[in-house]
Amino acid sequence: MRKSATFAVLAAAVALGGLAAPAAQADGYGDTEIKSVVVNGTGKVAVGTSAAKTFTVKVTASDDSGIKAADLYLDGPSYGFLQPTKKVSCVASNATTSTCTGTFTVDPDVDFFDNSPAGTWYVSAWVDANDGDYFTTDKAGSFAMQRYSKLTVNASPEPVKKGRTITVTGALTRANWETGAYAGYTNQSVKLQFRKKNSDTYTTLKTVTSASRGALKTTVTATEDGYFRWNFAGTSTTPAVKAGGDFVDVQ
């Protein structure tokens, strides 16, 4: 019989710093195995400054007798730790394989008091089979817990004569879980892109590095009507983001 209560207590102790986090461990009996782990459909969870974020973790597992149940927990950097908000449910796709889904909610006002939990998190899973076999691992899968990002753009003057200079500004910011506000993301490469008035495709004009408070600024020559935007590719702790296009009428 598994010791799921003990497993949860130990995981919580590690999250709170009461125990040293061990290296990746796996154990089991019989032929139970985990086939795949999908977190939030994308492998990324972006959290803002105040609103709680609910997402799912789907673990697909198999055993020759079928899957009976599963327990799931999430462990992250520093004190990061989450438990499911309700019992994990398993749905069989055939006689041997099931997908077990856990629902998790992370509230930055409650779960994070600084930015240290941003980064790579791991899914700890325990899967029970109908015949008594089981498999458990503290790193069944991984995902990125990210600080939600925002990006603004302004191109001026509007309108502008052809051949004149257009100044494009903006700011790249991301959630600061310690202050509960958005702060500038500095020293990041951000692409300036342009889309012609009657086109659906943006092309990159240049790359600019974000300055103090995430500020972005550059100049281009006015050639034709179109939309300017900034495009940030993202990092391990911050999701990709694109600003909405700002239209400039070239006369």
Protein backbone atom coordinates (compact mmCIF):
# COMPACT_ATOMS: atom_id res chain seq x y z
CA MET A 1 0.00 0.00 0.00
CA ARG A 2 1.35 3.40 -0.91
CA LYS A 3 2.05 6.11 1.66
CA SER A 4 0.50 9.04 -0.18
CA ALA A 5 0.06 11.10 2.97
CA THR A 6 3.73 10.69 3.83
CA PHE A 7 4.67 11.55 0.24
CA ALA A 8 2.74 14.84 0.47
CA VAL A 9 4.26 15.75 3.83
CA LEU A 10 7.79 15.10 2.59
CA ALA A 11 7.19 17.15 -0.55
CA ALA A 12 5.84 20.02 1.54
CA ALA A 13 8.83 19.82 3.87
CA VAL A 14 11.21 20.08 0.92
CA ALA A 15 9.25 23.05 -0.43
CA LEU A 16 9.53 24.83 2.92
CA GLY A 17 13.23 24.18 3.23
CA GLY A 18 12.91 21.63 6.05
CA LEU A 19 14.70 18.94 4.03
CA ALA A 20 17.38 19.05 1.37
CA ALA A 21 15.84 18.40 -2.04
CA PRO A 22 17.01 14.96 -3.26
CA ALA A 23 18.14 14.07 -6.74
CA ALA A 24 15.54 12.73 -9.14
CA GLN A 25 14.12 9.49 -7.79
CA ALA A 26 11.86 6.81 -9.25
CA ASP A 27 10.48 3.58 -7.84
CA GLY A 28 7.87 1.04 -8.75
CA TYR A 29 6.65 -2.51 -8.92
CA GLY A 30 5.45 -4.42 -11.96
CA ASP A 31 4.96 -2.99 -15.44
CA THR A 32 3.25 0.32 -14.65
CA GLU A 33 4.79 3.20 -16.61
CA ILE A 34 4.19 6.85 -17.38
CA LYS A 35 3.91 7.54 -21.12
CA SER A 36 3.61 11.33 -21.21
CA VAL A 37 3.05 14.46 -19.11
CA VAL A 38 1.37 17.60 -20.45
CA VAL A 39 1.16 20.76 -18.33
CA ASN A 40 -1.31 23.49 -19.31
CA GLY A 41 -1.27 22.21 -22.88
CA THR A 42 1.91 24.17 -23.62
CA GLY A 43 4.43 23.25 -20.93
CA LYS A 44 4.28 26.84 -19.66
CA VAL A 45 2.26 28.61 -16.95
CA ALA A 46 2.36 32.44 -16.93
CA VAL A 47 1.23 34.13 -13.72
CA GLY A 48 0.46 37.83 -13.31
CA THR A 49 0.49 40.01 -10.21
CA SER A 50 -2.92 39.36 -8.66
CA ALA A 51 -5.28 37.02 -10.53
CA ALA A 52 -5.14 33.33 -9.64
CA LYS A 53 -4.18 31.01 -12.51
CA THR A 54 -5.86 27.58 -12.83
CA PHE A 55 -4.33 24.94 -15.09
CA THR A 56 -4.27 21.19 -15.62
CA VAL A 57 -1.60 18.52 -15.55
CA LYS A 58 -2.34 15.44 -17.65
CA VAL A 59 -0.35 12.27 -16.99
CA THR A 60 -0.86 9.35 -19.37
CA ALA A 61 0.12 5.98 -17.87
CA SER A 62 -0.27 2.30 -18.70
CA ASP A 63 -0.27 -1.15 -17.09
CA ASP A 64 -1.42 -4.50 -18.43
CA SER A 65 -4.25 -4.50 -15.86
CA GLY A 66 -5.24 -0.88 -16.42
CA ILE A 67 -4.77 2.23 -14.27
CA LYS A 68 -6.63 2.59 -10.96
CA ALA A 69 -5.60 6.03 -9.62
CA ALA A 70 -2.88 8.66 -9.45
CA ASP A 71 -1.50 11.32 -7.11
CA LEU A 72 0.17 14.48 -8.50
CA TYR A 73 2.20 17.27 -6.89
CA LEU A 74 4.23 20.13 -8.33
CA ASP A 75 7.66 21.22 -7.07
CA GLY A 76 9.50 24.36 -8.14
CA PRO A 77 12.59 26.42 -7.35
CA SER A 78 13.01 27.78 -3.84
CA TYR A 79 9.80 27.16 -1.83
CA GLY A 80 7.62 26.41 -4.88
CA PHE A 81 5.05 23.69 -4.17
CA LEU A 82 1.46 23.06 -5.31
CA GLN A 83 -1.13 20.38 -4.57
CA PRO A 84 -4.20 19.59 -6.70
CA THR A 85 -7.32 21.60 -5.88
CA LYS A 86 -9.44 18.46 -6.21
CA LYS A 87 -8.97 14.70 -6.50
CA VAL A 88 -7.00 13.58 -9.56
CA SER A 89 -9.31 11.84 -12.05
CA CYS A 90 -8.25 9.05 -14.42
CA VAL A 91 -10.05 8.31 -17.69
CA ALA A 92 -9.24 5.14 -19.63
CA SER A 93 -8.55 5.36 -23.35
CA ASN A 94 -8.33 1.56 -23.62
CA ALA A 95 -7.92 -1.50 -21.37
CA THR A 96 -4.33 -0.68 -20.43
CA THR A 97 -3.93 3.10 -20.72
CA SER A 98 -5.48 6.04 -18.89
CA THR A 99 -4.93 9.79 -18.72
CA CYS A 100 -5.03 11.14 -15.18
CA THR A 101 -5.79 14.86 -14.83
CA GLY A 102 -4.97 17.09 -11.90
CA THR A 103 -6.27 20.65 -11.56
CA PHE A 104 -3.98 23.20 -9.92
CA THR A 105 -4.42 26.84 -8.97
CA VAL A 106 -1.54 29.22 -8.29
CA ASP A 107 -2.36 32.54 -6.63
CA PRO A 108 0.54 35.05 -6.66
CA ASP A 109 -0.91 36.83 -3.61
CA VAL A 110 -0.86 33.60 -1.60
CA ASP A 111 1.72 31.25 -3.11
CA PHE A 112 4.55 33.65 -4.05
CA PHE A 113 6.16 36.26 -1.81
CA ASP A 114 9.08 36.93 -4.18
CA ASN A 115 10.22 35.97 -7.71
CA SER A 116 12.39 32.97 -6.79
CA PRO A 117 9.79 30.31 -7.80
CA ALA A 118 10.01 31.42 -11.46
CA GLY A 119 11.77 28.83 -13.63
CA THR A 120 11.62 25.08 -14.14
CA TRP A 121 9.07 23.11 -12.10
CA TYR A 122 8.64 19.33 -11.93
CA VAL A 123 5.64 17.02 -11.76
CA SER A 124 5.82 14.43 -8.99
CA ALA A 125 3.54 11.49 -9.80
CA TRP A 126 2.41 8.25 -8.18
CA VAL A 127 0.37 5.91 -10.39
CA ASP A 128 -1.47 2.81 -9.12
CA ALA A 129 -2.55 -0.07 -11.36
CA ASN A 130 -5.55 -2.34 -10.85
CA ASP A 131 -3.37 -5.38 -10.08
CA GLY A 132 -1.33 -3.70 -7.32
CA ASP A 133 1.55 -2.57 -9.53
CA TYR A 134 2.65 1.04 -9.21
CA PHE A 135 5.18 3.59 -10.41
CA THR A 136 6.35 6.80 -8.74
CA THR A 137 8.82 9.52 -9.69
CA ASP A 138 9.49 13.06 -8.51
CA LYS A 139 10.32 14.18 -12.06
CA ALA A 140 7.67 12.69 -14.30
CA GLY A 141 7.74 15.86 -16.39
CA SER A 142 8.74 19.51 -16.26
CA PHE A 143 7.29 22.90 -17.18
CA ALA A 144 8.11 26.60 -16.95
CA MET A 145 6.50 28.76 -14.27
CA GLN A 146 6.75 32.26 -15.74
CA ARG A 147 6.22 35.88 -14.77
CA TYR A 148 3.51 37.27 -17.08
CA SER A 149 4.82 39.88 -19.53
CA LYS A 150 3.45 42.97 -21.25
CA LEU A 151 4.69 44.97 -24.24
CA THR A 152 3.58 48.39 -25.49
CA VAL A 153 4.31 50.31 -28.70
CA ASN A 154 3.91 53.84 -30.01
CA ALA A 155 5.04 55.10 -33.41
CA SER A 156 5.06 58.85 -34.10
CA PRO A 157 4.48 61.32 -35.59
CA GLU A 158 1.15 60.32 -37.13
CA PRO A 159 0.72 61.14 -39.99
CA VAL A 160 4.22 61.60 -41.33
CA LYS A 161 5.67 62.65 -44.67
CA LYS A 162 7.51 60.04 -46.72
CA GLY A 163 11.25 60.13 -46.11
CA ARG A 164 10.89 61.67 -42.65
CA THR A 165 11.89 59.96 -39.38
CA ILE A 166 9.50 57.83 -37.35
CA THR A 167 10.31 57.30 -33.69
CA VAL A 168 9.07 54.00 -32.25
CA THR A 169 8.94 53.61 -28.46
CA GLY A 170 7.53 51.11 -26.01
CA ALA A 171 8.20 49.20 -22.82
CA LEU A 172 8.74 45.55 -21.90
CA THR A 173 7.48 44.74 -18.40
CA ARG A 174 6.79 41.61 -16.40
CA ALA A 175 5.05 40.64 -13.17
CA ASN A 176 6.98 41.24 -9.97
CA TRP A 177 5.50 38.83 -7.42
CA GLU A 178 7.30 40.55 -4.57
CA THR A 179 5.77 44.00 -5.12
CA GLY A 180 2.51 42.94 -6.81
CA ALA A 181 3.20 45.30 -9.74
CA TYR A 182 4.74 45.16 -13.21
CA ALA A 183 8.40 46.14 -13.52
CA GLY A 184 10.66 46.84 -16.48
CA TYR A 185 12.54 43.87 -17.96
CA THR A 186 15.94 45.28 -18.89
CA ASN A 187 18.77 44.10 -21.16
CA GLN A 188 16.46 42.00 -23.33
CA SER A 189 16.55 41.72 -27.13
CA VAL A 190 13.28 42.86 -28.68
CA LYS A 191 12.52 42.94 -32.39
CA LEU A 192 10.92 45.91 -34.13
CA GLN A 193 8.62 44.64 -36.86
CA PHE A 194 6.60 46.27 -39.65
CA ARG A 195 3.52 45.17 -41.60
CA LYS A 196 2.40 46.93 -44.77
CA LYS A 197 -1.15 48.31 -44.73
CA ASN A 198 -2.60 45.61 -46.99
CA SER A 199 -0.41 42.74 -45.81
CA ASP A 200 -0.85 40.10 -43.11
CA THR A 201 2.87 39.51 -42.61
CA TYR A 202 5.26 41.29 -40.27
CA THR A 203 8.94 41.59 -41.15
CA THR A 204 11.74 42.40 -38.71
CA LEU A 205 13.43 45.76 -39.21
CA LYS A 206 15.94 45.71 -36.35
CA THR A 207 16.60 44.42 -32.84
CA VAL A 208 16.73 46.74 -29.84
CA THR A 209 17.88 46.07 -26.27
CA SER A 210 15.48 47.13 -23.53
CA ALA A 211 16.87 49.86 -21.28
CA SER A 212 16.00 51.12 -17.81
CA ARG A 213 12.43 50.18 -16.79
CA GLY A 214 12.21 48.06 -19.94
CA ALA A 215 12.15 51.11 -22.21
CA LEU A 216 12.43 50.60 -25.98
CA LYS A 217 13.25 53.30 -28.50
CA THR A 218 14.53 53.49 -32.06
CA THR A 219 14.00 55.39 -35.32
CA VAL A 220 13.16 54.34 -38.87
CA THR A 221 12.54 56.15 -42.15
CA ALA A 222 8.92 56.56 -43.27
CA THR A 223 8.38 54.71 -46.55
CA GLU A 224 4.73 53.57 -46.70
CA ASP A 225 1.55 53.13 -44.66
CA GLY A 226 1.70 50.30 -42.18
CA TYR A 227 1.84 48.96 -38.65
CA PHE A 228 4.77 48.86 -36.24
CA ARG A 229 5.06 46.46 -33.32
CA TRP A 230 7.60 45.10 -30.85
CA ASN A 231 8.11 41.34 -30.59
CA PHE A 232 9.78 39.68 -27.57
CA ALA A 233 10.77 36.00 -27.90
CA GLY A 234 10.61 35.28 -24.16
CA THR A 235 12.97 33.61 -21.68
CA SER A 236 12.73 30.63 -19.34
CA THR A 237 11.12 32.83 -16.67
CA THR A 238 9.13 35.19 -18.91
CA PRO A 239 6.72 34.32 -21.74
CA ALA A 240 6.94 35.63 -25.29
CA VAL A 241 4.78 38.66 -26.03
CA LYS A 242 3.91 40.86 -29.01
CA ALA A 243 2.59 44.40 -28.91
CA GLY A 244 -0.47 45.28 -30.93
CA GLY A 245 0.38 47.03 -34.20
CA ASP A 246 0.44 50.85 -34.21
CA PHE A 247 -0.60 52.28 -37.58
CA VAL A 248 1.27 55.15 -39.21
CA ASP A 249 -0.13 57.05 -42.20
CA VAL A 250 2.71 58.01 -44.57
CA GLN A 251 1.80 60.92 -46.86
